[in-house]
Amino acid sequence: MSTNDLNLPDLAQGGLAAPRKASIPASDMFDARDKIASDLKPVFDVPVSVQAVIGRTTIEVSKLLELTEGSVLELDRRVGEAIDIYVNSRLVARGEVVVVDDRLGVTMTEIIKNSDG
């Protein structure tokens, strides 16, 4: 089967053609967004697990049993390095730890579009 049979663009001639931009009125975009939101309404109440991972380490069980109050575990991250944010065990973002009204929180600084990150 040749590449012409697959209807592929000729990559040897400079790559893919630029995609055409659709001209969509703003009112139609808002209507579409509202429709998508209403279509997603059934999943709004589905619980998800969110984890903010500040770092990881590996230790032997014997060392784990020796840990006491005040023990320090060295993690694989440096101070100021972004933390990983997982939703249902899938990496979705990176961020920073923040303090909000005496509680810890996370600010997302980068959204991961591909979970290979």
N, C-alpha and C. Protein backbone atom coordinates (compact mmCIF):
# COMPACT_ATOMS: atom_id res chain seq x y z
N MET A 1 0.84 -1.17 0.00
CA MET A 1 0.00 0.00 0.00
C MET A 1 0.89 1.24 0.00
N SER A 2 0.68 2.18 -0.89
CA SER A 2 1.50 3.39 -0.96
C SER A 2 0.92 4.46 -0.04
N THR A 3 1.73 5.51 0.22
CA THR A 3 1.25 6.60 1.08
C THR A 3 0.08 7.34 0.45
N ASN A 4 0.01 7.34 -0.89
CA ASN A 4 -1.12 7.99 -1.55
C ASN A 4 -2.42 7.26 -1.26
N ASP A 5 -2.33 5.92 -1.08
CA ASP A 5 -3.52 5.14 -0.75
C ASP A 5 -4.05 5.53 0.63
N LEU A 6 -3.18 5.98 1.53
CA LEU A 6 -3.59 6.36 2.88
C LEU A 6 -4.05 7.81 2.95
N ASN A 7 -3.88 8.54 1.84
CA ASN A 7 -4.29 9.94 1.79
C ASN A 7 -3.51 10.78 2.80
N LEU A 8 -2.19 10.54 2.90
CA LEU A 8 -1.33 11.27 3.82
C LEU A 8 -0.72 12.48 3.14
N PRO A 9 -0.41 13.54 3.90
CA PRO A 9 0.26 14.70 3.30
C PRO A 9 1.68 14.33 2.92
N ASP A 10 2.23 15.04 1.95
CA ASP A 10 3.59 14.78 1.50
C ASP A 10 4.56 15.44 2.48
N LEU A 11 5.12 14.68 3.40
CA LEU A 11 6.00 15.22 4.42
C LEU A 11 7.34 15.67 3.84
N ALA A 12 7.74 15.12 2.72
CA ALA A 12 9.01 15.49 2.11
C ALA A 12 8.96 16.90 1.53
N GLN A 13 7.77 17.43 1.30
CA GLN A 13 7.62 18.75 0.70
C GLN A 13 7.42 19.85 1.75
N GLY A 14 7.88 19.63 2.97
CA GLY A 14 7.81 20.70 3.96
C GLY A 14 6.81 20.47 5.07
N GLY A 15 6.24 19.31 5.15
CA GLY A 15 5.38 19.00 6.29
C GLY A 15 3.92 19.25 6.01
N LEU A 16 3.17 19.33 7.11
CA LEU A 16 1.73 19.46 7.04
C LEU A 16 1.31 20.89 6.74
N ALA A 17 0.20 21.03 6.11
CA ALA A 17 -0.35 22.36 5.88
C ALA A 17 -0.90 22.90 7.19
N ALA A 18 -0.86 24.22 7.33
CA ALA A 18 -1.38 24.84 8.56
C ALA A 18 -2.88 24.61 8.64
N PRO A 19 -3.39 24.29 9.83
CA PRO A 19 -4.83 24.08 9.95
C PRO A 19 -5.58 25.38 9.74
N ARG A 20 -6.76 25.28 9.19
CA ARG A 20 -7.59 26.45 8.96
C ARG A 20 -8.27 26.84 10.27
N LYS A 21 -8.35 28.13 10.52
CA LYS A 21 -9.04 28.62 11.71
C LYS A 21 -10.50 28.83 11.36
N ALA A 22 -11.36 28.27 12.19
CA ALA A 22 -12.79 28.45 11.98
C ALA A 22 -13.22 29.77 12.59
N SER A 23 -14.08 30.45 11.91
CA SER A 23 -14.62 31.70 12.41
C SER A 23 -15.94 31.40 13.11
N ILE A 24 -15.90 31.37 14.46
CA ILE A 24 -17.10 31.04 15.24
C ILE A 24 -17.48 32.26 16.04
N PRO A 25 -18.72 32.72 15.92
CA PRO A 25 -19.16 33.87 16.71
C PRO A 25 -19.06 33.58 18.21
N ALA A 26 -18.75 34.61 18.99
CA ALA A 26 -18.59 34.45 20.43
C ALA A 26 -19.84 33.88 21.08
N SER A 27 -21.01 34.29 20.63
CA SER A 27 -22.26 33.80 21.24
C SER A 27 -22.40 32.29 21.03
N ASP A 28 -21.97 31.79 19.87
CA ASP A 28 -22.02 30.35 19.61
C ASP A 28 -21.04 29.60 20.49
N MET A 29 -19.87 30.22 20.77
CA MET A 29 -18.89 29.55 21.64
C MET A 29 -19.45 29.42 23.04
N PHE A 30 -20.12 30.48 23.55
CA PHE A 30 -20.71 30.40 24.89
C PHE A 30 -21.82 29.36 24.93
N ASP A 31 -22.64 29.30 23.89
CA ASP A 31 -23.70 28.29 23.83
C ASP A 31 -23.10 26.89 23.84
N ALA A 32 -22.01 26.69 23.09
CA ALA A 32 -21.36 25.39 23.03
C ALA A 32 -20.78 25.02 24.40
N ARG A 33 -20.18 26.01 25.08
CA ARG A 33 -19.60 25.74 26.40
C ARG A 33 -20.69 25.36 27.40
N ASP A 34 -21.83 26.05 27.35
CA ASP A 34 -22.94 25.72 28.24
C ASP A 34 -23.48 24.33 27.95
N LYS A 35 -23.54 23.97 26.66
CA LYS A 35 -24.02 22.64 26.29
C LYS A 35 -23.07 21.57 26.80
N ILE A 36 -21.77 21.80 26.66
CA ILE A 36 -20.79 20.83 27.16
C ILE A 36 -20.91 20.70 28.67
N ALA A 37 -21.06 21.83 29.37
CA ALA A 37 -21.20 21.79 30.83
C ALA A 37 -22.45 21.01 31.22
N SER A 38 -23.56 21.21 30.52
CA SER A 38 -24.78 20.48 30.85
C SER A 38 -24.64 18.99 30.52
N ASP A 39 -23.88 18.66 29.46
CA ASP A 39 -23.64 17.25 29.13
C ASP A 39 -22.81 16.56 30.20
N LEU A 40 -21.92 17.32 30.86
CA LEU A 40 -21.05 16.75 31.89
C LEU A 40 -21.69 16.72 33.27
N LYS A 41 -22.85 17.31 33.42
CA LYS A 41 -23.49 17.41 34.73
C LYS A 41 -23.57 16.07 35.48
N PRO A 42 -23.84 14.94 34.82
CA PRO A 42 -23.92 13.67 35.56
C PRO A 42 -22.60 13.26 36.24
N VAL A 43 -21.46 13.76 35.77
CA VAL A 43 -20.18 13.35 36.37
C VAL A 43 -19.66 14.35 37.40
N PHE A 44 -20.37 15.47 37.61
CA PHE A 44 -19.91 16.47 38.57
C PHE A 44 -19.82 15.94 39.99
N ASP A 45 -20.65 14.97 40.36
CA ASP A 45 -20.66 14.43 41.72
C ASP A 45 -19.82 13.17 41.87
N VAL A 46 -19.11 12.76 40.83
CA VAL A 46 -18.27 11.57 40.92
C VAL A 46 -17.01 11.92 41.71
N PRO A 47 -16.74 11.21 42.81
CA PRO A 47 -15.55 11.53 43.60
C PRO A 47 -14.27 11.10 42.89
N VAL A 48 -13.23 11.90 43.03
CA VAL A 48 -11.92 11.56 42.49
C VAL A 48 -10.89 11.71 43.60
N SER A 49 -9.81 10.98 43.49
CA SER A 49 -8.73 11.05 44.45
C SER A 49 -7.67 12.00 43.92
N VAL A 50 -7.31 13.02 44.72
CA VAL A 50 -6.29 13.97 44.33
C VAL A 50 -5.12 13.84 45.29
N GLN A 51 -3.91 13.69 44.74
CA GLN A 51 -2.70 13.57 45.56
C GLN A 51 -1.70 14.63 45.12
N ALA A 52 -1.09 15.29 46.10
CA ALA A 52 0.00 16.23 45.84
C ALA A 52 1.26 15.59 46.42
N VAL A 53 2.15 15.16 45.55
CA VAL A 53 3.33 14.40 45.97
C VAL A 53 4.52 15.36 46.04
N ILE A 54 5.04 15.56 47.25
CA ILE A 54 6.17 16.48 47.42
C ILE A 54 7.50 15.78 47.18
N GLY A 55 7.51 14.46 47.17
CA GLY A 55 8.73 13.72 46.91
C GLY A 55 8.56 12.26 47.27
N ARG A 56 9.58 11.48 46.95
CA ARG A 56 9.56 10.04 47.21
C ARG A 56 10.91 9.60 47.74
N THR A 57 10.89 8.48 48.42
CA THR A 57 12.13 7.85 48.86
C THR A 57 11.89 6.36 49.00
N THR A 58 12.95 5.61 49.01
CA THR A 58 12.88 4.16 49.22
C THR A 58 13.76 3.82 50.41
N ILE A 59 13.18 3.10 51.38
CA ILE A 59 13.96 2.67 52.53
C ILE A 59 13.62 1.23 52.84
N GLU A 60 14.50 0.58 53.56
CA GLU A 60 14.27 -0.80 53.97
C GLU A 60 13.26 -0.83 55.11
N VAL A 61 12.54 -1.93 55.25
CA VAL A 61 11.54 -2.07 56.30
C VAL A 61 12.18 -1.88 57.68
N SER A 62 13.39 -2.40 57.87
CA SER A 62 14.04 -2.26 59.17
C SER A 62 14.27 -0.78 59.51
N LYS A 63 14.63 0.05 58.52
CA LYS A 63 14.81 1.49 58.74
C LYS A 63 13.47 2.16 58.99
N LEU A 64 12.42 1.71 58.31
CA LEU A 64 11.08 2.26 58.51
C LEU A 64 10.63 2.03 59.95
N LEU A 65 10.91 0.86 60.48
CA LEU A 65 10.51 0.54 61.85
C LEU A 65 11.30 1.34 62.89
N GLU A 66 12.45 1.86 62.51
CA GLU A 66 13.28 2.66 63.42
C GLU A 66 12.86 4.13 63.47
N LEU A 67 11.97 4.55 62.57
CA LEU A 67 11.55 5.96 62.54
C LEU A 67 10.79 6.32 63.81
N THR A 68 11.09 7.48 64.34
CA THR A 68 10.39 7.99 65.52
C THR A 68 10.00 9.44 65.25
N GLU A 69 9.28 10.02 66.19
CA GLU A 69 8.92 11.42 66.07
C GLU A 69 10.19 12.25 65.95
N GLY A 70 10.24 13.11 64.94
CA GLY A 70 11.42 13.94 64.71
C GLY A 70 12.40 13.36 63.70
N SER A 71 12.16 12.11 63.28
CA SER A 71 13.02 11.51 62.26
C SER A 71 12.85 12.27 60.94
N VAL A 72 13.90 12.31 60.15
CA VAL A 72 13.87 13.03 58.87
C VAL A 72 14.05 12.02 57.74
N LEU A 73 13.16 12.09 56.75
CA LEU A 73 13.29 11.27 55.55
C LEU A 73 13.76 12.18 54.42
N GLU A 74 14.84 11.82 53.78
CA GLU A 74 15.33 12.61 52.65
C GLU A 74 14.56 12.19 51.40
N LEU A 75 13.97 13.17 50.72
CA LEU A 75 13.17 12.90 49.53
C LEU A 75 13.98 13.18 48.27
N ASP A 76 13.43 12.79 47.14
CA ASP A 76 14.14 12.93 45.86
C ASP A 76 13.95 14.30 45.21
N ARG A 77 13.41 15.27 45.93
CA ARG A 77 13.18 16.60 45.37
C ARG A 77 14.04 17.63 46.09
N ARG A 78 14.34 18.71 45.38
CA ARG A 78 15.07 19.83 45.96
C ARG A 78 14.08 20.91 46.40
N VAL A 79 14.52 21.75 47.31
CA VAL A 79 13.69 22.87 47.77
C VAL A 79 13.35 23.75 46.57
N GLY A 80 12.07 24.10 46.44
CA GLY A 80 11.63 24.96 45.35
C GLY A 80 11.25 24.22 44.09
N GLU A 81 11.54 22.92 44.02
CA GLU A 81 11.19 22.13 42.83
C GLU A 81 9.69 21.86 42.84
N ALA A 82 9.08 21.81 41.67
CA ALA A 82 7.64 21.60 41.55
C ALA A 82 7.25 20.24 42.11
N ILE A 83 6.04 20.19 42.68
CA ILE A 83 5.50 18.92 43.17
C ILE A 83 4.58 18.34 42.10
N ASP A 84 4.34 17.04 42.16
CA ASP A 84 3.46 16.37 41.20
C ASP A 84 2.04 16.31 41.77
N ILE A 85 1.06 16.56 40.92
CA ILE A 85 -0.35 16.50 41.30
C ILE A 85 -1.01 15.39 40.48
N TYR A 86 -1.55 14.40 41.18
CA TYR A 86 -2.18 13.26 40.55
C TYR A 86 -3.68 13.29 40.80
N VAL A 87 -4.46 12.92 39.79
CA VAL A 87 -5.89 12.71 39.94
C VAL A 87 -6.16 11.28 39.54
N ASN A 88 -6.70 10.49 40.47
CA ASN A 88 -6.93 9.06 40.24
C ASN A 88 -5.68 8.37 39.72
N SER A 89 -4.56 8.62 40.38
CA SER A 89 -3.26 8.01 40.08
C SER A 89 -2.69 8.40 38.73
N ARG A 90 -3.20 9.44 38.12
CA ARG A 90 -2.68 9.91 36.83
C ARG A 90 -2.10 11.31 37.00
N LEU A 91 -0.86 11.48 36.58
CA LEU A 91 -0.21 12.78 36.68
C LEU A 91 -0.93 13.78 35.78
N VAL A 92 -1.47 14.86 36.38
CA VAL A 92 -2.22 15.84 35.60
C VAL A 92 -1.62 17.24 35.67
N ALA A 93 -0.78 17.50 36.67
CA ALA A 93 -0.25 18.86 36.81
C ALA A 93 0.99 18.85 37.70
N ARG A 94 1.69 19.97 37.68
CA ARG A 94 2.78 20.22 38.62
C ARG A 94 2.45 21.54 39.31
N GLY A 95 2.95 21.71 40.52
CA GLY A 95 2.59 22.92 41.23
C GLY A 95 3.52 23.22 42.39
N GLU A 96 3.08 24.16 43.21
CA GLU A 96 3.84 24.60 44.37
C GLU A 96 2.96 24.53 45.61
N VAL A 97 3.58 24.25 46.75
CA VAL A 97 2.86 24.23 48.02
C VAL A 97 2.68 25.66 48.47
N VAL A 98 1.46 25.99 48.93
CA VAL A 98 1.14 27.32 49.44
C VAL A 98 0.44 27.16 50.79
N VAL A 99 0.41 28.24 51.56
CA VAL A 99 -0.31 28.26 52.83
C VAL A 99 -1.51 29.19 52.67
N VAL A 100 -2.69 28.68 53.01
CA VAL A 100 -3.92 29.45 52.91
C VAL A 100 -4.65 29.34 54.25
N ASP A 101 -4.72 30.44 54.98
CA ASP A 101 -5.41 30.45 56.28
C ASP A 101 -4.94 29.31 57.19
N ASP A 102 -3.65 29.21 57.39
CA ASP A 102 -3.04 28.19 58.26
C ASP A 102 -3.24 26.76 57.78
N ARG A 103 -3.56 26.57 56.52
CA ARG A 103 -3.69 25.23 55.94
C ARG A 103 -2.80 25.15 54.71
N LEU A 104 -2.33 23.94 54.42
CA LEU A 104 -1.52 23.74 53.21
C LEU A 104 -2.43 23.62 52.00
N GLY A 105 -1.97 24.13 50.90
CA GLY A 105 -2.68 24.03 49.64
C GLY A 105 -1.68 23.87 48.51
N VAL A 106 -2.18 23.76 47.31
CA VAL A 106 -1.32 23.58 46.13
C VAL A 106 -1.78 24.54 45.04
N THR A 107 -0.84 25.24 44.45
CA THR A 107 -1.10 26.07 43.28
C THR A 107 -0.59 25.33 42.06
N MET A 108 -1.45 25.14 41.06
CA MET A 108 -1.01 24.47 39.84
C MET A 108 -0.26 25.46 38.97
N THR A 109 0.96 25.10 38.59
CA THR A 109 1.77 25.97 37.75
C THR A 109 1.94 25.44 36.33
N GLU A 110 1.62 24.15 36.16
CA GLU A 110 1.78 23.53 34.83
C GLU A 110 0.77 22.40 34.71
N ILE A 111 -0.01 22.40 33.64
CA ILE A 111 -0.95 21.32 33.37
C ILE A 111 -0.25 20.33 32.45
N ILE A 112 -0.31 19.06 32.80
CA ILE A 112 0.31 18.01 32.00
C ILE A 112 -0.75 17.46 31.05
N LYS A 113 -0.55 17.67 29.76
CA LYS A 113 -1.53 17.22 28.77
C LYS A 113 -1.36 15.74 28.45
N ASN A 114 -0.14 15.25 28.61
CA ASN A 114 0.16 13.85 28.32
C ASN A 114 0.68 13.22 29.61
N SER A 115 0.08 12.14 30.05
CA SER A 115 0.44 11.54 31.34
C SER A 115 1.78 10.84 31.32
N ASP A 116 2.57 10.98 30.23
CA ASP A 116 3.90 10.39 30.19
C ASP A 116 4.87 11.17 31.06
N GLY A 117 4.49 12.43 31.44
CA GLY A 117 5.34 13.37 32.16
C GLY A 117 5.92 12.81 33.37
